[in-house]
Amino acid sequence: MVKITWLGHACFLIELSNGYKIVIDPHDGRSIGLPKPSVKADLVLVTHDHFDHNAIDIVRKEDTRVIKSLRGEAHVDDILIKGIRTYHDKEGGRRRGENTIYIIDVEGYKIAHLGDLGHKPMEQLDLLKGVDVLMTPIGGVYTIGPDEVWDLIDKIKPPITIPMHYWVRGLTLPLFTIDDFLAYVKKIKVTRIESNKFTLEDIIDRNIPQIIVLKSPTGK
C-alpha cells in the first residue's frame, strides 16, 4: 500500500506499507504562506536548492537520510531512486540553475516528481515513459506552464498525473491556478479528491489515465 499526501506547493509525502516515509521538496510553510509540513521523514529528496523546496530541517529527524540533486541511480533503504538532470528555465540553467527529476521505484510503482522543471524535457522523455504517477508543476512563471504540461502529459501518458506548484489560497507566489491548467485538458478523466491524500491502489487504473486534483493543505 502506497499513500500519497500533498503537503502544499511541490512537497509530497510518500508513505509505504511498512510506514517508511519519503518527503520530496519540503518547504517551511511560513515563507510561502502555507501550513508547515508536520511529518518527519525517513528519506528527503530535494530537486533543487531554492528556499521553497529545500527546508530539510522542517521534516528531518535524527536518522533522516537526504539526497540532493542526484545524477544516475541510487539504492537507499532498498528503494531505487533515479535522478535526471534538467533545468529550471529554458536557457540551460543560466537563469535559475539546474533541476532534478526523481523517479522513485516503490512497491511495484514508479513515481516521478518533476521538481521545478522549466522546459520541455525532450531529451529525457523516454526515461519518463512508463511511470505510473507523474507529479508535475503547472503554475508557470518559474516552471513550465499549463499548455506545456498538457503537451507533456499527452506524450508520456501516465496513468496518474498530480498537478502541483500552482496558486492556492494563501500562497504568496504569483502562479497560474488549477483551473488555468484544466482548461487545456482533453479526453482524460479528472478526479477531484476532497482530501490532500489518497492511497494509490484505490485510485490507479493503468487502462484509464486520470488527473488527480488534491485539496490543498489550506483547504482551498
Protein backbone atom coordinates (compact mmCIF):
# COMPACT_ATOMS: atom_id res chain seq x y z
CA MET A 1 0.00 0.00 0.00
CA VAL A 2 1.40 3.36 -1.08
CA LYS A 3 -0.17 6.50 0.36
CA ILE A 4 0.49 9.89 -1.28
CA THR A 5 -0.10 13.16 0.58
CA TRP A 6 0.26 16.64 -0.90
CA LEU A 7 1.80 18.96 1.68
CA GLY A 8 1.43 22.04 -0.50
CA HIS A 9 3.42 23.61 -3.33
CA ALA A 10 5.83 20.91 -4.61
CA CYS A 11 6.05 18.99 -1.34
CA PHE A 12 4.75 15.42 -1.18
CA LEU A 13 4.83 12.64 1.37
CA ILE A 14 5.02 9.10 0.01
CA GLU A 15 4.29 6.57 2.75
CA LEU A 16 4.99 2.87 2.17
CA SER A 17 3.28 -0.20 3.59
CA ASN A 18 5.91 -0.59 6.30
CA GLY A 19 5.47 3.03 7.45
CA TYR A 20 8.61 4.30 5.71
CA LYS A 21 8.18 7.98 4.80
CA ILE A 22 9.67 9.79 1.82
CA VAL A 23 9.28 13.59 1.59
CA ILE A 24 10.08 15.45 -1.62
CA ASP A 25 10.86 19.19 -1.78
CA PRO A 26 9.90 20.30 1.74
CA HIS A 27 9.02 23.96 2.31
CA ASP A 28 8.86 25.76 5.66
CA GLY A 29 5.28 26.97 5.20
CA ARG A 30 5.78 30.47 6.57
CA SER A 31 7.94 31.69 3.66
CA ILE A 32 5.25 30.95 1.06
CA GLY A 33 2.05 31.44 3.05
CA LEU A 34 1.11 27.76 3.54
CA PRO A 35 0.90 25.48 6.58
CA LYS A 36 4.22 23.96 7.64
CA PRO A 37 4.61 20.22 6.90
CA SER A 38 4.15 18.29 10.16
CA VAL A 39 5.70 14.97 9.11
CA LYS A 40 9.14 13.58 9.95
CA ALA A 41 10.76 11.74 7.04
CA ASP A 42 12.99 8.70 6.77
CA LEU A 43 14.22 9.99 3.40
CA VAL A 44 14.16 13.50 1.94
CA LEU A 45 14.66 14.24 -1.77
CA VAL A 46 15.47 17.78 -2.89
CA THR A 47 15.12 18.64 -6.57
CA HIS A 48 16.99 21.95 -6.36
CA ASP A 49 18.36 24.28 -3.72
CA HIS A 50 15.73 27.04 -3.61
CA PHE A 51 14.09 28.17 -0.36
CA ASP A 52 10.62 26.84 -1.19
CA HIS A 53 11.93 23.32 -1.91
CA ASN A 54 14.85 22.70 0.48
CA ALA A 55 13.55 23.19 4.04
CA ILE A 56 15.07 19.89 5.12
CA ASP A 57 15.20 20.71 8.83
CA ILE A 58 11.40 21.01 8.94
CA VAL A 59 10.97 17.29 8.19
CA ARG A 60 14.28 15.92 9.49
CA LYS A 61 14.67 13.55 12.42
CA GLU A 62 17.87 12.12 13.87
CA ASP A 63 18.35 9.36 11.29
CA THR A 64 16.79 11.02 8.22
CA ARG A 65 18.68 10.41 5.00
CA VAL A 66 18.89 13.28 2.50
CA ILE A 67 19.52 13.25 -1.25
CA LYS A 68 20.08 16.43 -3.21
CA SER A 69 20.45 16.70 -6.98
CA LEU A 70 21.10 13.01 -7.63
CA ARG A 71 22.53 12.10 -11.03
CA GLY A 72 22.04 8.48 -12.03
CA GLU A 73 20.74 5.75 -9.74
CA ALA A 74 20.97 5.10 -6.03
CA HIS A 75 19.59 2.44 -3.69
CA VAL A 76 18.52 3.88 -0.36
CA ASP A 77 16.96 1.56 2.22
CA ASP A 78 16.04 -0.88 -0.59
CA ILE A 79 14.36 1.89 -2.61
CA LEU A 80 15.60 2.51 -6.15
CA ILE A 81 15.84 6.20 -7.00
CA LYS A 82 16.83 7.67 -10.33
CA GLY A 83 17.87 11.30 -10.66
CA ILE A 84 17.71 13.02 -14.05
CA ARG A 85 19.33 16.37 -14.69
CA THR A 86 17.06 19.04 -16.17
CA TYR A 87 16.87 22.82 -15.90
CA HIS A 88 14.83 25.39 -14.01
CA ASP A 89 14.46 27.53 -17.13
CA LYS A 90 14.51 27.38 -20.91
CA GLU A 91 18.10 28.63 -21.12
CA GLY A 92 20.04 25.57 -19.97
CA GLY A 93 20.04 26.70 -16.36
CA ARG A 94 21.61 30.09 -16.98
CA ARG A 95 18.73 31.94 -15.26
CA ARG A 96 17.67 29.65 -12.41
CA GLY A 97 20.11 26.74 -12.38
CA GLU A 98 19.64 23.00 -12.65
CA ASN A 99 16.68 20.89 -11.55
CA THR A 100 16.41 17.19 -10.81
CA ILE A 101 13.62 14.88 -11.87
CA TYR A 102 13.31 11.96 -9.46
CA ILE A 103 11.84 8.60 -10.39
CA ILE A 104 11.17 6.51 -7.29
CA ASP A 105 10.53 2.77 -7.61
CA VAL A 106 8.41 1.59 -4.68
CA GLU A 107 6.17 -1.45 -4.20
CA GLY A 108 5.83 -2.04 -7.94
CA TYR A 109 5.08 1.57 -8.84
CA LYS A 110 7.23 4.22 -10.49
CA ILE A 111 6.56 7.71 -9.19
CA ALA A 112 8.12 10.69 -10.98
CA HIS A 113 8.47 14.13 -9.40
CA LEU A 114 9.48 16.83 -11.88
CA GLY A 115 10.58 19.46 -9.35
CA ASP A 116 10.72 22.97 -10.80
CA LEU A 117 11.06 21.83 -14.38
CA GLY A 118 11.41 24.91 -16.55
CA HIS A 119 11.47 23.42 -20.06
CA LYS A 120 10.02 20.57 -22.06
CA PRO A 121 12.31 17.62 -21.26
CA MET A 122 12.59 16.28 -24.80
CA GLU A 123 15.95 14.53 -24.25
CA GLN A 124 14.62 12.92 -21.07
CA LEU A 125 11.20 12.00 -22.41
CA ASP A 126 11.91 8.31 -22.93
CA LEU A 127 13.03 7.99 -19.30
CA LEU A 128 9.65 9.26 -18.15
CA LYS A 129 7.57 6.95 -20.30
CA GLY A 130 6.27 4.07 -18.25
CA VAL A 131 5.92 5.93 -14.94
CA ASP A 132 2.72 5.27 -13.01
CA VAL A 133 2.48 8.64 -11.28
CA LEU A 134 3.62 11.98 -12.66
CA MET A 135 3.87 14.87 -10.20
CA THR A 136 4.27 17.97 -12.34
CA PRO A 137 4.38 21.73 -11.82
CA ILE A 138 1.69 23.58 -13.75
CA GLY A 139 1.95 27.13 -12.38
CA GLY A 140 4.25 28.70 -14.94
CA VAL A 141 6.34 31.82 -14.12
CA TYR A 142 9.19 29.73 -12.65
CA THR A 143 8.32 26.41 -14.34
CA ILE A 144 6.57 25.04 -17.37
CA GLY A 145 3.02 26.34 -17.67
CA PRO A 146 -0.41 24.81 -18.27
CA ASP A 147 -0.14 24.39 -22.05
CA GLU A 148 3.36 22.87 -21.88
CA VAL A 149 2.28 20.47 -19.14
CA TRP A 150 -0.67 19.21 -21.14
CA ASP A 151 1.63 18.53 -24.10
CA LEU A 152 3.98 16.62 -21.79
CA ILE A 153 1.16 14.50 -20.35
CA ASP A 154 -0.07 13.74 -23.85
CA LYS A 155 3.38 12.39 -24.76
CA ILE A 156 4.09 10.43 -21.55
CA LYS A 157 0.53 9.17 -20.96
CA PRO A 158 0.94 8.28 -17.27
CA PRO A 159 -1.97 6.52 -15.53
CA ILE A 160 -1.99 9.24 -12.87
CA THR A 161 -0.94 12.88 -13.11
CA ILE A 162 -0.88 15.04 -9.98
CA PRO A 163 -0.61 18.80 -10.63
CA MET A 164 1.49 20.78 -8.15
CA HIS A 165 3.27 24.12 -7.78
CA TYR A 166 0.25 26.26 -8.64
CA TRP A 167 -1.59 29.08 -6.91
CA VAL A 168 -3.87 28.22 -3.99
CA ARG A 169 -5.45 30.45 -1.35
CA GLY A 170 -2.70 31.82 0.87
CA LEU A 171 0.23 31.16 -1.43
CA THR A 172 2.40 34.25 -1.87
CA LEU A 173 3.80 33.26 -5.29
CA PRO A 174 2.11 34.58 -8.49
CA LEU A 175 1.32 31.30 -10.26
CA PHE A 176 -1.41 30.01 -12.55
CA THR A 177 -4.34 28.17 -10.93
CA ILE A 178 -5.55 24.62 -11.31
CA ASP A 179 -8.42 25.86 -13.49
CA ASP A 180 -5.94 27.53 -15.85
CA PHE A 181 -4.40 24.10 -16.37
CA LEU A 182 -7.65 22.13 -16.61
CA ALA A 183 -8.76 24.39 -19.45
CA TYR A 184 -6.20 22.58 -21.64
CA VAL A 185 -7.15 19.05 -20.59
CA LYS A 186 -8.88 16.99 -23.26
CA LYS A 187 -10.33 13.48 -23.28
CA ILE A 188 -8.90 12.43 -19.94
CA LYS A 189 -10.66 11.82 -16.64
CA VAL A 190 -10.26 14.48 -13.96
CA THR A 191 -10.76 13.20 -10.41
CA ARG A 192 -11.13 15.78 -7.63
CA ILE A 193 -10.46 14.37 -4.18
CA GLU A 194 -11.82 16.18 -1.11
CA SER A 195 -8.60 15.50 0.75
CA ASN A 196 -4.90 16.15 0.33
CA LYS A 197 -4.11 12.41 0.38
CA PHE A 198 -5.06 9.14 -1.24
CA THR A 199 -3.98 5.51 -1.40
CA LEU A 200 -2.50 4.69 -4.80
CA GLU A 201 -4.02 1.23 -5.04
CA ASP A 202 -7.52 2.68 -4.54
CA ILE A 203 -7.16 5.12 -7.44
CA ILE A 204 -4.85 3.80 -10.12
CA ASP A 205 -6.18 2.12 -13.26
CA ARG A 206 -3.45 1.69 -15.84
CA ASN A 207 -6.10 1.46 -18.57
CA ILE A 208 -7.80 4.76 -17.72
CA PRO A 209 -5.40 7.71 -17.36
CA GLN A 210 -6.61 10.39 -14.99
CA ILE A 211 -5.59 13.68 -13.46
CA ILE A 212 -5.89 13.74 -9.68
CA VAL A 213 -6.67 17.14 -8.18
CA LEU A 214 -5.99 17.13 -4.45
CA LYS A 215 -7.29 19.61 -1.90
CA SER A 216 -4.53 21.96 -0.79
CA PRO A 217 -3.42 21.96 2.87
CA THR A 218 -5.23 25.31 3.25
CA GLY A 219 -8.46 23.57 2.28
CA LYS A 220 -8.90 25.66 -0.87
